C-alpha atoms as a PDB file:
ATOM      1  CA  MET A   1      14.686  -8.179  16.933  1.00  0.00           C
ATOM      2  CA  LYS A   2      11.643  -5.755  15.835  1.00  0.00           C
ATOM      3  CA  ARG A   3      13.652  -3.992  12.965  1.00  0.00           C
ATOM      4  CA  TRP A   4      14.660  -7.399  11.731  1.00  0.00           C
ATOM      5  CA  PHE A   5      10.578  -8.547  11.682  1.00  0.00           C
ATOM      6  CA  GLY A   6       9.398  -5.388   9.859  1.00  0.00           C
ATOM      7  CA  ASP A   7      12.572  -5.823   7.072  1.00  0.00           C
ATOM      8  CA  VAL A   8      11.159  -9.614   6.416  1.00  0.00           C
ATOM      9  CA  THR A   9       8.021  -8.268   6.693  1.00  0.00           C
ATOM     10  CA  LEU A  10       8.358  -5.288   4.008  1.00  0.00           C
ATOM     11  CA  ASN A  11      10.816  -7.547   1.562  1.00  0.00           C
ATOM     12  CA  MET A  12       7.729  -9.448   1.742  1.00  0.00           C
ATOM     13  CA  LEU A  13       5.568  -7.545   0.805  1.00  0.00           C
ATOM     14  CA  LEU A  14       7.664  -6.053  -1.510  1.00  0.00           C
ATOM     15  CA  LYS A  15       8.783  -8.917  -2.871  1.00  0.00           C
ATOM     16  CA  VAL A  16       4.745  -9.643  -4.351  1.00  0.00           C
ATOM     17  CA  ILE A  17       3.576  -6.043  -4.907  1.00  0.00           C
ATOM     18  CA  ILE A  18       7.295  -4.975  -7.142  1.00  0.00           C
ATOM     19  CA  GLY A  19       9.297  -7.728  -7.824  1.00  0.00           C
ATOM     20  CA  LYS A  20      12.037  -7.270  -5.988  1.00  0.00           C
ATOM     21  CA  ARG A  21      13.846  -8.034  -2.536  1.00  0.00           C
ATOM     22  CA  CYS A  22      14.884  -3.632  -1.420  1.00  0.00           C
ATOM     23  CA  VAL A  23      16.235  -4.319   2.433  1.00  0.00           C
ATOM     24  CA  GLY A  24      19.084  -6.225   3.235  1.00  0.00           C
ATOM     25  CA  PRO A  25      22.152  -7.990   2.443  1.00  0.00           C
ATOM     26  CA  ASN A  26      20.483  -9.188  -1.027  1.00  0.00           C
ATOM     27  CA  ALA A  27      18.099  -6.166  -1.850  1.00  0.00           C
ATOM     28  CA  LYS A  28      18.454  -5.338  -6.062  1.00  0.00           C
ATOM     29  CA  GLY A  29      15.843  -2.431  -5.431  1.00  0.00           C
ATOM     30  CA  ASP A  30      15.848   1.132  -4.108  1.00  0.00           C
ATOM     31  CA  LYS A  31      16.352   0.697   0.168  1.00  0.00           C
ATOM     32  CA  LYS A  32      15.975   4.602   0.940  1.00  0.00           C
ATOM     33  CA  LYS A  33      12.357   3.587  -0.756  1.00  0.00           C
ATOM     34  CA  ALA A  34      11.620   1.061   0.449  1.00  0.00           C
ATOM     35  CA  ILE A  35      13.014   1.940   4.619  1.00  0.00           C
ATOM     36  CA  ASP A  36      11.141   5.731   3.515  1.00  0.00           C
ATOM     37  CA  LEU A  37       7.687   3.825   2.794  1.00  0.00           C
ATOM     38  CA  GLN A  38       8.314   1.807   6.632  1.00  0.00           C
ATOM     39  CA  LEU A  39       8.792   4.483   7.743  1.00  0.00           C
ATOM     40  CA  ALA A  40       5.769   6.461   6.619  1.00  0.00           C
ATOM     41  CA  ILE A  41       3.369   3.455   7.260  1.00  0.00           C
ATOM     42  CA  ARG A  42       4.859   3.391  10.507  1.00  0.00           C
ATOM     43  CA  LYS A  43       3.448   6.881  11.258  1.00  0.00           C
ATOM     44  CA  SER A  44       0.353   6.935   9.333  1.00  0.00           C
ATOM     45  CA  PHE A  45      -0.391   3.454  11.866  1.00  0.00           C
ATOM     46  CA  HIS A  46       0.402   5.399  14.584  1.00  0.00           C
ATOM     47  CA  LEU A  47      -1.322   8.292  14.240  1.00  0.00           C
ATOM     48  CA  MET A  48      -4.638   6.522  13.281  1.00  0.00           C
ATOM     49  CA  GLY A  49      -4.513   5.365  16.587  1.00  0.00           C
ATOM     50  CA  GLU A  50      -4.415   8.642  18.221  1.00  0.00           C
ATOM     51  CA  GLY A  51      -8.097   9.937  19.264  1.00  0.00           C
ATOM     52  CA  LEU A  52      -8.303  12.707  17.947  1.00  0.00           C
ATOM     53  CA  LEU A  53     -10.426  15.844  20.489  1.00  0.00           C
ATOM     54  CA  ARG A  54     -11.479  17.482  17.254  1.00  0.00           C
ATOM     55  CA  ASP A  55     -13.230  14.196  15.984  1.00  0.00           C
ATOM     56  CA  TYR A  56     -15.464  14.451  19.389  1.00  0.00           C
ATOM     57  CA  ILE A  57     -15.568  17.611  19.796  1.00  0.00           C
ATOM     58  CA  PRO A  58     -16.152  19.351  15.816  1.00  0.00           C
ATOM     59  CA  ILE A  59     -15.461  22.626  16.343  1.00  0.00           C
ATOM     60  CA  LEU A  60     -12.368  22.756  16.594  1.00  0.00           C
ATOM     61  CA  ALA A  61     -11.372  21.660  14.012  1.00  0.00           C
ATOM     62  CA  ASN A  62     -12.072  25.628  12.973  1.00  0.00           C
ATOM     63  CA  LEU A  63      -9.657  26.700  15.528  1.00  0.00           C
ATOM     64  CA  GLY A  64      -6.847  25.139  13.681  1.00  0.00           C
ATOM     65  CA  PHE A  65      -6.958  21.965  15.444  1.00  0.00           C
ATOM     66  CA  ASP A  66      -5.260  20.852  12.750  1.00  0.00           C
ATOM     67  CA  ARG A  67      -1.916  18.743  12.931  1.00  0.00           C
ATOM     68  CA  HIS A  68      -2.805  15.555  12.958  1.00  0.00           C
ATOM     69  CA  VAL A  69      -4.479  15.972   9.504  1.00  0.00           C
ATOM     70  CA  LYS A  70      -1.803  18.664   8.404  1.00  0.00           C
ATOM     71  CA  ALA A  71       0.735  15.103   9.234  1.00  0.00           C
ATOM     72  CA  MET A  72      -1.195  12.543   7.661  1.00  0.00           C
ATOM     73  CA  GLU A  73      -1.070  14.700   4.354  1.00  0.00           C
ATOM     74  CA  LYS A  74       2.562  14.434   4.113  1.00  0.00           C
ATOM     75  CA  ILE A  75       2.861  11.095   4.477  1.00  0.00           C
ATOM     76  CA  ALA A  76      -0.036  10.257   1.638  1.00  0.00           C
ATOM     77  CA  ILE A  77       2.486  12.427  -0.192  1.00  0.00           C
ATOM     78  CA  GLN A  78       5.086  10.597   0.524  1.00  0.00           C
ATOM     79  CA  ILE A  79       4.021   7.216   0.380  1.00  0.00           C
ATOM     80  CA  ASP A  80       2.316   8.329  -3.256  1.00  0.00           C
ATOM     81  CA  SER A  81       5.825   9.608  -4.192  1.00  0.00           C
ATOM     82  CA  ILE A  82       7.110   6.586  -3.399  1.00  0.00           C
ATOM     83  CA  LEU A  83       4.499   4.807  -5.634  1.00  0.00           C
ATOM     84  CA  GLN A  84       4.681   6.832  -8.200  1.00  0.00           C
ATOM     85  CA  GLY A  85       8.520   6.173  -9.063  1.00  0.00           C
ATOM     86  CA  TRP A  86       7.815   2.825  -8.780  1.00  0.00           C
ATOM     87  CA  LEU A  87       4.785   2.211 -11.140  1.00  0.00           C
ATOM     88  CA  GLU A  88       7.199   4.683 -13.613  1.00  0.00           C
ATOM     89  CA  GLU A  89      10.215   2.105 -13.004  1.00  0.00           C
ATOM     90  CA  HIS A  90       7.441  -0.731 -13.661  1.00  0.00           C
ATOM     91  CA  ARG A  91       6.327   1.865 -17.046  1.00  0.00           C
ATOM     92  CA  ARG A  92       9.798   1.116 -18.693  1.00  0.00           C
ATOM     93  CA  ASN A  93      10.033  -1.922 -17.549  1.00  0.00           C
ATOM     94  CA  ARG A  94       7.352  -2.566 -19.977  1.00  0.00           C
ATOM     95  CA  ASP A  95       7.812  -0.677 -22.393  1.00  0.00           C
ATOM     96  CA  LYS A  96      11.355  -2.220 -23.025  1.00  0.00           C
ATOM     97  CA  ASN A  97      10.697  -5.625 -22.534  1.00  0.00           C
ATOM     98  CA  GLN A  98       7.397  -5.393 -24.719  1.00  0.00           C
ATOM     99  CA  SER A  99       8.227  -7.802 -27.675  1.00  0.00           C
ATOM    100  CA  LEU A 100       9.213 -10.816 -24.825  1.00  0.00           C
ATOM    101  CA  ASP A 101       6.572 -12.699 -24.163  1.00  0.00           C
ATOM    102  CA  THR A 102       6.593 -12.623 -20.306  1.00  0.00           C
ATOM    103  CA  LYS A 103       3.922 -13.582 -17.984  1.00  0.00           C
ATOM    104  CA  ASP A 104       3.297 -10.930 -15.290  1.00  0.00           C
ATOM    105  CA  GLY A 105       5.793 -11.099 -12.656  1.00  0.00           C
ATOM    106  CA  ASP A 106       4.580  -9.720  -9.820  1.00  0.00           C
ATOM    107  CA  PHE A 107       1.034  -7.442  -8.146  1.00  0.00           C
ATOM    108  CA  MET A 108       1.933  -3.972 -10.244  1.00  0.00           C
ATOM    109  CA  ASP A 109       1.944  -5.900 -13.659  1.00  0.00           C
ATOM    110  CA  SER A 110      -0.572  -7.594 -13.049  1.00  0.00           C
ATOM    111  CA  LEU A 111      -2.630  -4.278 -12.492  1.00  0.00           C
ATOM    112  CA  LEU A 112      -0.874  -2.304 -15.663  1.00  0.00           C
ATOM    113  CA  SER A 113      -2.207  -5.643 -17.918  1.00  0.00           C
ATOM    114  CA  LEU A 114      -5.610  -5.374 -16.845  1.00  0.00           C
ATOM    115  CA  CYS A 115      -5.154  -1.374 -17.344  1.00  0.00           C
ATOM    116  CA  HIS A 116      -3.886  -1.780 -20.829  1.00  0.00           C
ATOM    117  CA  SER A 117      -6.485  -4.442 -21.770  1.00  0.00           C
ATOM    118  CA  ASN A 118      -8.762  -2.069 -20.613  1.00  0.00           C
ATOM    119  CA  GLU A 119     -11.090  -3.679 -18.511  1.00  0.00           C
ATOM    120  CA  LEU A 120     -11.190  -1.402 -15.380  1.00  0.00           C
ATOM    121  CA  PRO A 121     -13.403   1.372 -15.225  1.00  0.00           C
ATOM    122  CA  SER A 122     -12.088   4.385 -17.298  1.00  0.00           C
ATOM    123  CA  GLN A 123     -14.125   6.988 -14.301  1.00  0.00           C
ATOM    124  CA  PHE A 124     -10.676   7.549 -12.789  1.00  0.00           C
ATOM    125  CA  ASP A 125      -7.474   7.055 -14.143  1.00  0.00           C
ATOM    126  CA  HIS A 126      -5.262   4.203 -14.403  1.00  0.00           C
ATOM    127  CA  ASP A 127      -2.196   5.231 -12.685  1.00  0.00           C
ATOM    128  CA  THR A 128      -4.462   6.271  -9.475  1.00  0.00           C
ATOM    129  CA  ILE A 129      -6.357   2.464  -9.925  1.00  0.00           C
ATOM    130  CA  VAL A 130      -3.000   1.365  -9.558  1.00  0.00           C
ATOM    131  CA  LYS A 131      -1.448   3.210  -6.666  1.00  0.00           C
ATOM    132  CA  ALA A 132      -4.367   2.824  -4.564  1.00  0.00           C
ATOM    133  CA  THR A 133      -4.393  -0.810  -5.281  1.00  0.00           C
ATOM    134  CA  THR A 134      -1.105  -1.073  -4.389  1.00  0.00           C
ATOM    135  CA  LEU A 135      -1.999   1.127  -1.201  1.00  0.00           C
ATOM    136  CA  ASN A 136      -4.395  -0.800   0.096  1.00  0.00           C
ATOM    137  CA  MET A 137      -2.866  -3.978  -0.824  1.00  0.00           C
ATOM    138  CA  ILE A 138      -0.038  -3.005   1.934  1.00  0.00           C
ATOM    139  CA  SER A 139      -2.155  -0.909   3.922  1.00  0.00           C
ATOM    140  CA  VAL A 140      -3.754  -4.555   4.527  1.00  0.00           C
ATOM    141  CA  ASP A 141      -0.604  -6.673   4.818  1.00  0.00           C
ATOM    142  CA  MET A 142       1.131  -4.505   7.465  1.00  0.00           C
ATOM    143  CA  ALA A 143      -2.154  -5.340   9.831  1.00  0.00           C
ATOM    144  CA  GLU A 144      -2.459  -8.260  10.051  1.00  0.00           C
ATOM    145  CA  HIS A 145       0.987 -10.270   9.246  1.00  0.00           C
ATOM    146  CA  PHE A 146       1.008 -11.408   5.969  1.00  0.00           C
ATOM    147  CA  GLY A 147      -2.776 -11.729   5.717  1.00  0.00           C
ATOM    148  CA  MET A 148      -3.076 -14.261   9.645  1.00  0.00           C
ATOM    149  CA  ALA A 149      -5.355 -11.731  12.240  1.00  0.00           C
ATOM    150  CA  ASN A 150      -3.008  -9.687  14.354  1.00  0.00           C
ATOM    151  CA  GLU A 151      -4.370  -9.068  18.048  1.00  0.00           C
ATOM    152  CA  LYS A 152      -3.674  -5.418  17.821  1.00  0.00           C
ATOM    153  CA  VAL A 153      -6.117  -4.669  15.096  1.00  0.00           C
ATOM    154  CA  VAL A 154      -9.416  -4.593  15.907  1.00  0.00           C
ATOM    155  CA  PRO A 155      -9.719  -9.104  15.800  1.00  0.00           C
ATOM    156  CA  LEU A 156     -13.729  -9.241  14.999  1.00  0.00           C
ATOM    157  CA  ASN A 157     -13.108  -6.625  12.629  1.00  0.00           C
ATOM    158  CA  VAL A 158      -9.948  -8.873  11.023  1.00  0.00           C
ATOM    159  CA  LEU A 159     -11.978 -11.988  11.386  1.00  0.00           C
ATOM    160  CA  VAL A 160     -15.433 -10.704   9.729  1.00  0.00           C
ATOM    161  CA  THR A 161     -14.550  -8.596   7.475  1.00  0.00           C
ATOM    162  CA  PRO A 162     -13.172  -9.987   4.496  1.00  0.00           C
ATOM    163  CA  ARG A 163     -10.551  -8.643   2.603  1.00  0.00           C
ATOM    164  CA  LEU A 164     -12.324  -8.207  -0.392  1.00  0.00           C
ATOM    165  CA  PRO A 165     -15.236  -5.846  -1.707  1.00  0.00           C
ATOM    166  CA  SER A 166     -18.256  -8.248  -2.120  1.00  0.00           C
ATOM    167  CA  HIS A 167     -18.274  -7.311  -5.852  1.00  0.00           C
ATOM    168  CA  LEU A 168     -15.064  -8.936  -7.002  1.00  0.00           C
ATOM    169  CA  HIS A 169     -15.662 -12.534  -4.757  1.00  0.00           C
ATOM    170  CA  GLY A 170     -19.500 -12.806  -5.175  1.00  0.00           C
ATOM    171  CA  PRO A 171     -22.113 -13.545  -1.961  1.00  0.00           C
ATOM    172  CA  ILE A 172     -20.578 -15.813   0.617  1.00  0.00           C
ATOM    173  CA  MET A 173     -22.255 -18.904   1.806  1.00  0.00           C
END
């Protein structure tokens, strides 16, 4: 049952972000990438939940106690390569369908439209902006389960902290 809920969550999330389901009988996307992403996210949440001794005793960082840091860097590289593949796939599809007047179908297409309209800050690479925003959306939805508060996350932070930065939604009244 746990695996089924994980697959449903991942499919709903990927349908919004990249526009296709990747796990299950009617999957149209790359199942291996989706499973790799799911495992990487699971590993990263596991590592985030562990307390590190070097956080409490900083001198231990200089002595080579960085097993968790290396594991997180490996996970970050893995997630980055998956997101880069999806980004390149979206760019190829946009180039093929450039003549067609279609509205943006998913989150990554919307971000690419913003990049092409030059509405995003130019101080960062557009690929970095798209991948970071997508990764932020993945981590928020995996922690909150479809936008609802998950009791395992610190409840006060989930309920009090807005999901969007204040410069995007304005002051909260």
